[in-house]
Amino acid sequence: MPAPKLSVLVPAYNEEATILQLIGKVIATELVGNHDKEIIIVDDCSTDRTGEIVAEYIENHPGAAIFYFRQPKNMGKGAAIHKAIELARGEYIVIQDADLEYDPADYNRLLHPLISGAADVVYGSRFVGANPHRALFFWHMMGNRFLTFLSNLFTNLNLTDMETCYKVFRADVIKPIRLQEKRFGFEPEVTAKISRIPGVRIYEVGISYYGRTYGEGKKIGISDGFRAIYCILKYNLFGGKAFK
């Protein structure tokens, strides 16, 4: 019987400076319980050498379970995640940014509630726990906390970090969800739709966070915050079709 597998989904756009290091970190991370892993990189039509670097790595490491897909045009982070979910073959699915703000060493902490059978979904919070957190952007932190508060108000969850990248799902929970948001609205949309699943068990664990400055390549901006507010209201108040 094959070992259970974790699918690591990597949406990437112009990440030539970090993608190789990220791949190395993911491969080097040993998972508990003899779990296997695969890396699915969806390139959002990068204009730098991201795709070439990944292709070279795959060619030089033929045994590595790395799958690369390039979007036909730039469609946004959410769209890249949608495609990666479609391609994922593991029993568990984690979203991993390519920019090294999040540390794959946290995978086992995130997986534990799922493997033990206690959880269906686990969020990695940047705001709880004793793990390292880079001190950056006070107003970003306040914005994240406001968006989490607003989301919790409608979902009746008590999350501390709805906007976190690190979300781990049982594949059979996330794959049937009908996801629409193409950009950074993915976070509030998926939270709203997951919260509506009858009996779903959502856990949260503390993670490390090595944030980037805009000079170091951070992409999210104030317009994405306004979009997140719109998505919280849209997917919680008006619902829409949650499943495929």
C-alpha atoms as a PDB file:
ATOM      1  CA  MET A   1       0.000   0.000   0.000  1.00  0.00           C
ATOM      2  CA  PRO A   2       1.565   3.343  -1.036  1.00  0.00           C
ATOM      3  CA  ALA A   3       2.414   5.892   1.668  1.00  0.00           C
ATOM      4  CA  PRO A   4      -0.013   8.807   2.101  1.00  0.00           C
ATOM      5  CA  LYS A   5       1.080  11.837   0.095  1.00  0.00           C
ATOM      6  CA  LEU A   6       1.249  15.579   0.697  1.00  0.00           C
ATOM      7  CA  SER A   7       0.797  17.731  -2.401  1.00  0.00           C
ATOM      8  CA  VAL A   8       2.740  20.992  -2.074  1.00  0.00           C
ATOM      9  CA  LEU A   9       1.148  23.606  -4.332  1.00  0.00           C
ATOM     10  CA  VAL A  10       3.464  26.430  -5.385  1.00  0.00           C
ATOM     11  CA  PRO A  11       1.896  29.356  -7.282  1.00  0.00           C
ATOM     12  CA  ALA A  12       4.840  31.272  -8.742  1.00  0.00           C
ATOM     13  CA  TYR A  13       5.258  34.557 -10.560  1.00  0.00           C
ATOM     14  CA  ASN A  14       8.732  36.019 -11.189  1.00  0.00           C
ATOM     15  CA  GLU A  15      10.369  34.085  -8.358  1.00  0.00           C
ATOM     16  CA  GLU A  16      13.747  33.381 -10.006  1.00  0.00           C
ATOM     17  CA  ALA A  17      15.579  34.634  -6.900  1.00  0.00           C
ATOM     18  CA  THR A  18      13.984  32.119  -4.518  1.00  0.00           C
ATOM     19  CA  ILE A  19      12.352  29.235  -6.408  1.00  0.00           C
ATOM     20  CA  LEU A  20      15.428  26.990  -6.373  1.00  0.00           C
ATOM     21  CA  GLN A  21      15.985  27.488  -2.655  1.00  0.00           C
ATOM     22  CA  LEU A  22      12.300  26.835  -1.995  1.00  0.00           C
ATOM     23  CA  ILE A  23      12.404  23.543  -3.923  1.00  0.00           C
ATOM     24  CA  GLY A  24      15.436  22.493  -1.906  1.00  0.00           C
ATOM     25  CA  LYS A  25      13.728  23.311   1.397  1.00  0.00           C
ATOM     26  CA  VAL A  26      10.577  21.369   0.475  1.00  0.00           C
ATOM     27  CA  ILE A  27      12.533  18.304  -0.686  1.00  0.00           C
ATOM     28  CA  ALA A  28      14.711  18.385   2.435  1.00  0.00           C
ATOM     29  CA  THR A  29      11.704  18.395   4.767  1.00  0.00           C
ATOM     30  CA  GLU A  30      11.064  14.903   6.127  1.00  0.00           C
ATOM     31  CA  LEU A  31       7.416  14.239   6.882  1.00  0.00           C
ATOM     32  CA  VAL A  32       6.116  12.311   9.865  1.00  0.00           C
ATOM     33  CA  GLY A  33       4.403   8.960   9.422  1.00  0.00           C
ATOM     34  CA  ASN A  34       6.380   8.016   6.289  1.00  0.00           C
ATOM     35  CA  HIS A  35       4.306  10.456   4.263  1.00  0.00           C
ATOM     36  CA  ASP A  36       5.477  11.062   0.709  1.00  0.00           C
ATOM     37  CA  LYS A  37       5.246  14.430  -1.067  1.00  0.00           C
ATOM     38  CA  GLU A  38       4.966  15.935  -4.509  1.00  0.00           C
ATOM     39  CA  ILE A  39       5.626  19.522  -5.591  1.00  0.00           C
ATOM     40  CA  ILE A  40       3.274  21.114  -8.109  1.00  0.00           C
ATOM     41  CA  ILE A  41       4.568  24.433  -9.454  1.00  0.00           C
ATOM     42  CA  VAL A  42       2.106  26.532 -11.425  1.00  0.00           C
ATOM     43  CA  ASP A  43       3.925  29.382 -13.127  1.00  0.00           C
ATOM     44  CA  ASP A  44       1.617  32.377 -13.639  1.00  0.00           C
ATOM     45  CA  CYS A  45       3.307  33.271 -16.947  1.00  0.00           C
ATOM     46  CA  SER A  46       6.479  34.653 -15.361  1.00  0.00           C
ATOM     47  CA  THR A  47       8.565  37.092 -17.379  1.00  0.00           C
ATOM     48  CA  ASP A  48      11.832  36.152 -15.668  1.00  0.00           C
ATOM     49  CA  ARG A  49      13.774  32.836 -15.533  1.00  0.00           C
ATOM     50  CA  THR A  50      11.446  31.079 -13.065  1.00  0.00           C
ATOM     51  CA  GLY A  51      10.340  28.489 -15.624  1.00  0.00           C
ATOM     52  CA  GLU A  52      13.846  27.862 -16.944  1.00  0.00           C
ATOM     53  CA  ILE A  53      15.205  27.323 -13.443  1.00  0.00           C
ATOM     54  CA  VAL A  54      12.467  24.807 -12.601  1.00  0.00           C
ATOM     55  CA  ALA A  55      12.912  22.996 -15.930  1.00  0.00           C
ATOM     56  CA  GLU A  56      16.662  22.717 -15.355  1.00  0.00           C
ATOM     57  CA  TYR A  57      16.127  21.326 -11.873  1.00  0.00           C
ATOM     58  CA  ILE A  58      13.648  18.710 -13.106  1.00  0.00           C
ATOM     59  CA  GLU A  59      16.049  17.691 -15.898  1.00  0.00           C
ATOM     60  CA  ASN A  60      18.945  17.334 -13.445  1.00  0.00           C
ATOM     61  CA  HIS A  61      16.852  15.486 -10.822  1.00  0.00           C
ATOM     62  CA  PRO A  62      14.704  13.022 -12.813  1.00  0.00           C
ATOM     63  CA  GLY A  63      13.636  11.174  -9.661  1.00  0.00           C
ATOM     64  CA  ALA A  64      12.184  14.245  -7.964  1.00  0.00           C
ATOM     65  CA  ALA A  65       8.373  14.359  -7.780  1.00  0.00           C
ATOM     66  CA  ILE A  66       8.097  17.866  -9.232  1.00  0.00           C
ATOM     67  CA  PHE A  67       5.425  18.805 -11.746  1.00  0.00           C
ATOM     68  CA  TYR A  68       5.574  22.108 -13.624  1.00  0.00           C
ATOM     69  CA  PHE A  69       2.684  23.817 -15.390  1.00  0.00           C
ATOM     70  CA  ARG A  70       2.828  27.234 -17.060  1.00  0.00           C
ATOM     71  CA  GLN A  71      -0.370  29.261 -17.320  1.00  0.00           C
ATOM     72  CA  PRO A  72      -1.135  30.464 -20.878  1.00  0.00           C
ATOM     73  CA  LYS A  73      -1.304  34.055 -19.581  1.00  0.00           C
ATOM     74  CA  ASN A  74      -0.931  35.918 -16.300  1.00  0.00           C
ATOM     75  CA  MET A  75      -4.138  35.135 -14.402  1.00  0.00           C
ATOM     76  CA  GLY A  76      -3.335  35.734 -10.728  1.00  0.00           C
ATOM     77  CA  LYS A  77      -2.320  33.741  -7.671  1.00  0.00           C
ATOM     78  CA  GLY A  78      -5.817  32.371  -7.063  1.00  0.00           C
ATOM     79  CA  ALA A  79      -6.061  31.023 -10.604  1.00  0.00           C
ATOM     80  CA  ALA A  80      -2.668  29.324 -10.195  1.00  0.00           C
ATOM     81  CA  ILE A  81      -3.886  27.687  -6.973  1.00  0.00           C
ATOM     82  CA  HIS A  82      -7.068  26.483  -8.709  1.00  0.00           C
ATOM     83  CA  LYS A  83      -4.956  24.749 -11.370  1.00  0.00           C
ATOM     84  CA  ALA A  84      -2.596  23.260  -8.798  1.00  0.00           C
ATOM     85  CA  ILE A  85      -5.517  21.834  -6.792  1.00  0.00           C
ATOM     86  CA  GLU A  86      -6.797  20.233  -9.986  1.00  0.00           C
ATOM     87  CA  LEU A  87      -3.383  18.616 -10.611  1.00  0.00           C
ATOM     88  CA  ALA A  88      -2.766  17.495  -7.011  1.00  0.00           C
ATOM     89  CA  ARG A  89      -2.758  13.745  -6.346  1.00  0.00           C
ATOM     90  CA  GLY A  90      -2.025  13.645  -2.620  1.00  0.00           C
ATOM     91  CA  GLU A  91      -4.373  12.878   0.267  1.00  0.00           C
ATOM     92  CA  TYR A  92      -3.385  16.230   1.806  1.00  0.00           C
ATOM     93  CA  ILE A  93      -2.829  19.574   0.095  1.00  0.00           C
ATOM     94  CA  VAL A  94      -0.767  22.529   1.358  1.00  0.00           C
ATOM     95  CA  ILE A  95      -0.323  25.910  -0.304  1.00  0.00           C
ATOM     96  CA  GLN A  96       3.281  27.125  -0.358  1.00  0.00           C
ATOM     97  CA  ASP A  97       4.377  30.552  -1.596  1.00  0.00           C
ATOM     98  CA  ALA A  98       7.632  30.550  -3.552  1.00  0.00           C
ATOM     99  CA  ASP A  99       9.097  33.599  -1.818  1.00  0.00           C
ATOM    100  CA  LEU A 100      10.486  31.939   1.372  1.00  0.00           C
ATOM    101  CA  GLU A 101       8.224  33.915   3.733  1.00  0.00           C
ATOM    102  CA  TYR A 102       6.888  30.559   4.988  1.00  0.00           C
ATOM    103  CA  ASP A 103       9.092  27.689   6.150  1.00  0.00           C
ATOM    104  CA  PRO A 104       8.423  24.093   4.983  1.00  0.00           C
ATOM    105  CA  ALA A 105       9.873  22.955   8.328  1.00  0.00           C
ATOM    106  CA  ASP A 106       6.390  23.761   9.683  1.00  0.00           C
ATOM    107  CA  TYR A 107       4.684  21.067   7.563  1.00  0.00           C
ATOM    108  CA  ASN A 108       4.700  18.444  10.306  1.00  0.00           C
ATOM    109  CA  ARG A 109       3.159  20.867  12.794  1.00  0.00           C
ATOM    110  CA  LEU A 110       0.419  21.643  10.276  1.00  0.00           C
ATOM    111  CA  LEU A 111      -0.149  18.003   9.335  1.00  0.00           C
ATOM    112  CA  HIS A 112      -0.415  16.624  12.867  1.00  0.00           C
ATOM    113  CA  PRO A 113      -4.133  17.464  13.470  1.00  0.00           C
ATOM    114  CA  LEU A 114      -4.972  15.980  10.045  1.00  0.00           C
ATOM    115  CA  ILE A 115      -2.946  12.778  10.394  1.00  0.00           C
ATOM    116  CA  SER A 116      -4.315  12.202  13.904  1.00  0.00           C
ATOM    117  CA  GLY A 117      -7.850  12.402  12.521  1.00  0.00           C
ATOM    118  CA  ALA A 118      -8.810  15.484  14.533  1.00  0.00           C
ATOM    119  CA  ALA A 119      -9.018  17.993  11.651  1.00  0.00           C
ATOM    120  CA  ASP A 120     -10.149  18.363   8.053  1.00  0.00           C
ATOM    121  CA  VAL A 121      -8.445  21.730   7.489  1.00  0.00           C
ATOM    122  CA  VAL A 122      -5.522  23.393   9.310  1.00  0.00           C
ATOM    123  CA  TYR A 123      -4.558  27.072   9.114  1.00  0.00           C
ATOM    124  CA  GLY A 124      -1.027  28.181  10.014  1.00  0.00           C
ATOM    125  CA  SER A 125      -1.200  31.391  12.058  1.00  0.00           C
ATOM    126  CA  ARG A 126       1.555  33.999  11.980  1.00  0.00           C
ATOM    127  CA  PHE A 127       0.139  35.608  15.116  1.00  0.00           C
ATOM    128  CA  VAL A 128       0.227  32.788  17.680  1.00  0.00           C
ATOM    129  CA  GLY A 129       2.971  30.570  19.068  1.00  0.00           C
ATOM    130  CA  ALA A 130       6.623  31.072  19.922  1.00  0.00           C
ATOM    131  CA  ASN A 131       8.043  30.589  16.421  1.00  0.00           C
ATOM    132  CA  PRO A 132      10.208  33.282  14.741  1.00  0.00           C
ATOM    133  CA  HIS A 133       8.308  36.196  13.178  1.00  0.00           C
ATOM    134  CA  ARG A 134      10.031  39.015  11.320  1.00  0.00           C
ATOM    135  CA  ALA A 135       8.967  42.430  12.670  1.00  0.00           C
ATOM    136  CA  LEU A 136       7.556  44.290   9.649  1.00  0.00           C
ATOM    137  CA  PHE A 137       4.634  46.469   8.532  1.00  0.00           C
ATOM    138  CA  PHE A 138       2.464  47.352  11.547  1.00  0.00           C
ATOM    139  CA  TRP A 139      -0.421  48.470   9.333  1.00  0.00           C
ATOM    140  CA  HIS A 140      -0.280  45.247   7.313  1.00  0.00           C
ATOM    141  CA  MET A 141      -0.645  43.325  10.577  1.00  0.00           C
ATOM    142  CA  MET A 142      -3.581  45.495  11.638  1.00  0.00           C
ATOM    143  CA  GLY A 143      -5.145  45.073   8.210  1.00  0.00           C
ATOM    144  CA  ASN A 144      -4.773  41.297   8.390  1.00  0.00           C
ATOM    145  CA  ARG A 145      -6.317  41.231  11.843  1.00  0.00           C
ATOM    146  CA  PHE A 146      -9.227  43.400  10.703  1.00  0.00           C
ATOM    147  CA  LEU A 147      -9.886  41.145   7.703  1.00  0.00           C
ATOM    148  CA  THR A 148      -9.702  38.064   9.949  1.00  0.00           C
ATOM    149  CA  PHE A 149     -12.120  39.673  12.427  1.00  0.00           C
ATOM    150  CA  LEU A 150     -14.555  40.567   9.633  1.00  0.00           C
ATOM    151  CA  SER A 151     -14.326  37.051   8.186  1.00  0.00           C
ATOM    152  CA  ASN A 152     -14.866  35.465  11.613  1.00  0.00           C
ATOM    153  CA  LEU A 153     -17.917  37.658  12.132  1.00  0.00           C
ATOM    154  CA  PHE A 154     -19.628  35.910   9.221  1.00  0.00           C
ATOM    155  CA  THR A 155     -18.131  32.400   9.387  1.00  0.00           C
ATOM    156  CA  ASN A 156     -18.425  32.108  13.201  1.00  0.00           C
ATOM    157  CA  LEU A 157     -14.860  30.803  13.336  1.00  0.00           C
ATOM    158  CA  ASN A 158     -12.254  32.066  15.816  1.00  0.00           C
ATOM    159  CA  LEU A 159      -9.251  32.186  13.491  1.00  0.00           C
ATOM    160  CA  THR A 160      -6.366  34.548  14.250  1.00  0.00           C
ATOM    161  CA  ASP A 161      -4.976  34.628  10.676  1.00  0.00           C
ATOM    162  CA  MET A 162      -7.456  34.084   7.855  1.00  0.00           C
ATOM    163  CA  GLU A 163      -5.046  35.642   5.320  1.00  0.00           C
ATOM    164  CA  THR A 164      -2.234  33.139   5.953  1.00  0.00           C
ATOM    165  CA  CYS A 165      -0.729  31.316   2.990  1.00  0.00           C
ATOM    166  CA  TYR A 166      -0.325  28.097   4.977  1.00  0.00           C
ATOM    167  CA  LYS A 167      -3.621  26.286   4.686  1.00  0.00           C
ATOM    168  CA  VAL A 168      -3.601  22.478   4.648  1.00  0.00           C
ATOM    169  CA  PHE A 169      -6.652  20.573   3.444  1.00  0.00           C
ATOM    170  CA  ARG A 170      -7.728  16.997   3.142  1.00  0.00           C
ATOM    171  CA  ALA A 171      -7.907  16.620  -0.626  1.00  0.00           C
ATOM    172  CA  ASP A 172     -11.451  15.283  -0.510  1.00  0.00           C
ATOM    173  CA  VAL A 173     -12.520  18.476   1.291  1.00  0.00           C
ATOM    174  CA  ILE A 174     -10.935  21.100  -0.989  1.00  0.00           C
ATOM    175  CA  LYS A 175     -11.261  19.471  -4.413  1.00  0.00           C
ATOM    176  CA  PRO A 176     -15.080  19.654  -4.607  1.00  0.00           C
ATOM    177  CA  ILE A 177     -15.107  23.364  -3.681  1.00  0.00           C
ATOM    178  CA  ARG A 178     -16.022  25.702  -6.540  1.00  0.00           C
ATOM    179  CA  LEU A 179     -13.392  28.447  -6.392  1.00  0.00           C
ATOM    180  CA  GLN A 180     -13.786  31.654  -8.390  1.00  0.00           C
ATOM    181  CA  GLU A 181     -11.320  34.281  -7.159  1.00  0.00           C
ATOM    182  CA  LYS A 182      -8.357  34.631  -9.499  1.00  0.00           C
ATOM    183  CA  ARG A 183      -6.117  36.821  -7.339  1.00  0.00           C
ATOM    184  CA  PHE A 184      -5.626  37.372  -3.603  1.00  0.00           C
ATOM    185  CA  GLY A 185      -9.375  37.021  -2.945  1.00  0.00           C
ATOM    186  CA  PHE A 186      -8.721  33.284  -2.714  1.00  0.00           C
ATOM    187  CA  GLU A 187      -8.133  33.466   1.059  1.00  0.00           C
ATOM    188  CA  PRO A 188     -11.505  34.920   2.157  1.00  0.00           C
ATOM    189  CA  GLU A 189     -13.384  32.951  -0.505  1.00  0.00           C
ATOM    190  CA  VAL A 190     -12.003  29.553   0.485  1.00  0.00           C
ATOM    191  CA  THR A 191     -12.496  30.349   4.182  1.00  0.00           C
ATOM    192  CA  ALA A 192     -16.140  31.298   3.620  1.00  0.00           C
ATOM    193  CA  LYS A 193     -16.857  28.194   1.545  1.00  0.00           C
ATOM    194  CA  ILE A 194     -14.969  25.757   3.789  1.00  0.00           C
ATOM    195  CA  SER A 195     -16.830  27.103   6.843  1.00  0.00           C
ATOM    196  CA  ARG A 196     -20.164  26.144   5.230  1.00  0.00           C
ATOM    197  CA  ILE A 197     -19.309  22.436   4.996  1.00  0.00           C
ATOM    198  CA  PRO A 198     -21.471  20.607   7.568  1.00  0.00           C
ATOM    199  CA  GLY A 199     -19.365  19.208  10.398  1.00  0.00           C
ATOM    200  CA  VAL A 200     -16.048  20.497   9.021  1.00  0.00           C
ATOM    201  CA  ARG A 201     -13.243  20.564  11.606  1.00  0.00           C
ATOM    202  CA  ILE A 202     -10.911  23.542  11.220  1.00  0.00           C
ATOM    203  CA  TYR A 203      -7.787  23.836  13.372  1.00  0.00           C
ATOM    204  CA  GLU A 204      -5.108  26.507  13.676  1.00  0.00           C
ATOM    205  CA  VAL A 205      -1.445  26.133  14.684  1.00  0.00           C
ATOM    206  CA  GLY A 206       1.362  28.668  15.117  1.00  0.00           C
ATOM    207  CA  ILE A 207       3.963  28.918  12.353  1.00  0.00           C
ATOM    208  CA  SER A 208       7.148  30.863  11.607  1.00  0.00           C
ATOM    209  CA  TYR A 209       7.030  33.889   9.324  1.00  0.00           C
ATOM    210  CA  TYR A 210       9.946  35.463   7.452  1.00  0.00           C
ATOM    211  CA  GLY A 211       8.196  38.428   5.828  1.00  0.00           C
ATOM    212  CA  ARG A 212       9.580  40.360   2.858  1.00  0.00           C
ATOM    213  CA  THR A 213       9.688  44.088   2.215  1.00  0.00           C
ATOM    214  CA  TYR A 214       8.408  45.509  -1.075  1.00  0.00           C
ATOM    215  CA  GLY A 215      12.022  45.994  -2.093  1.00  0.00           C
ATOM    216  CA  GLU A 216      12.524  42.269  -1.571  1.00  0.00           C
ATOM    217  CA  GLY A 217       9.592  41.433  -3.834  1.00  0.00           C
ATOM    218  CA  LYS A 218       6.405  41.546  -1.742  1.00  0.00           C
ATOM    219  CA  LYS A 219       3.442  41.871  -4.132  1.00  0.00           C
ATOM    220  CA  ILE A 220       0.237  42.348  -2.119  1.00  0.00           C
ATOM    221  CA  GLY A 221      -1.042  45.928  -1.786  1.00  0.00           C
ATOM    222  CA  ILE A 222      -3.864  48.051  -0.377  1.00  0.00           C
ATOM    223  CA  SER A 223      -6.137  47.335  -3.364  1.00  0.00           C
ATOM    224  CA  ASP A 224      -5.954  43.621  -2.466  1.00  0.00           C
ATOM    225  CA  GLY A 225      -7.157  44.507   1.032  1.00  0.00           C
ATOM    226  CA  PHE A 226     -10.248  46.224  -0.376  1.00  0.00           C
ATOM    227  CA  ARG A 227     -10.841  43.223  -2.626  1.00  0.00           C
ATOM    228  CA  ALA A 228     -10.635  40.953   0.431  1.00  0.00           C
ATOM    229  CA  ILE A 229     -13.377  42.980   2.162  1.00  0.00           C
ATOM    230  CA  TYR A 230     -15.533  42.660  -0.950  1.00  0.00           C
ATOM    231  CA  CYS A 231     -14.928  38.885  -1.049  1.00  0.00           C
ATOM    232  CA  ILE A 232     -15.766  38.434   2.633  1.00  0.00           C
ATOM    233  CA  LEU A 233     -19.107  40.156   2.085  1.00  0.00           C
ATOM    234  CA  LYS A 234     -19.779  38.478  -1.255  1.00  0.00           C
ATOM    235  CA  TYR A 235     -19.089  34.862  -0.294  1.00  0.00           C
ATOM    236  CA  ASN A 236     -20.576  35.035   3.187  1.00  0.00           C
ATOM    237  CA  LEU A 237     -23.663  37.183   2.633  1.00  0.00           C
ATOM    238  CA  PHE A 238     -24.603  36.079  -0.864  1.00  0.00           C
ATOM    239  CA  GLY A 239     -23.028  32.645  -0.793  1.00  0.00           C
ATOM    240  CA  GLY A 240     -23.431  31.422  -4.317  1.00  0.00           C
ATOM    241  CA  LYS A 241     -22.669  27.905  -5.423  1.00  0.00           C
ATOM    242  CA  ALA A 242     -20.013  26.521  -3.066  1.00  0.00           C
ATOM    243  CA  PHE A 243     -19.468  23.132  -4.718  1.00  0.00           C
ATOM    244  CA  LYS A 244     -18.795  21.971  -8.258  1.00  0.00           C
END
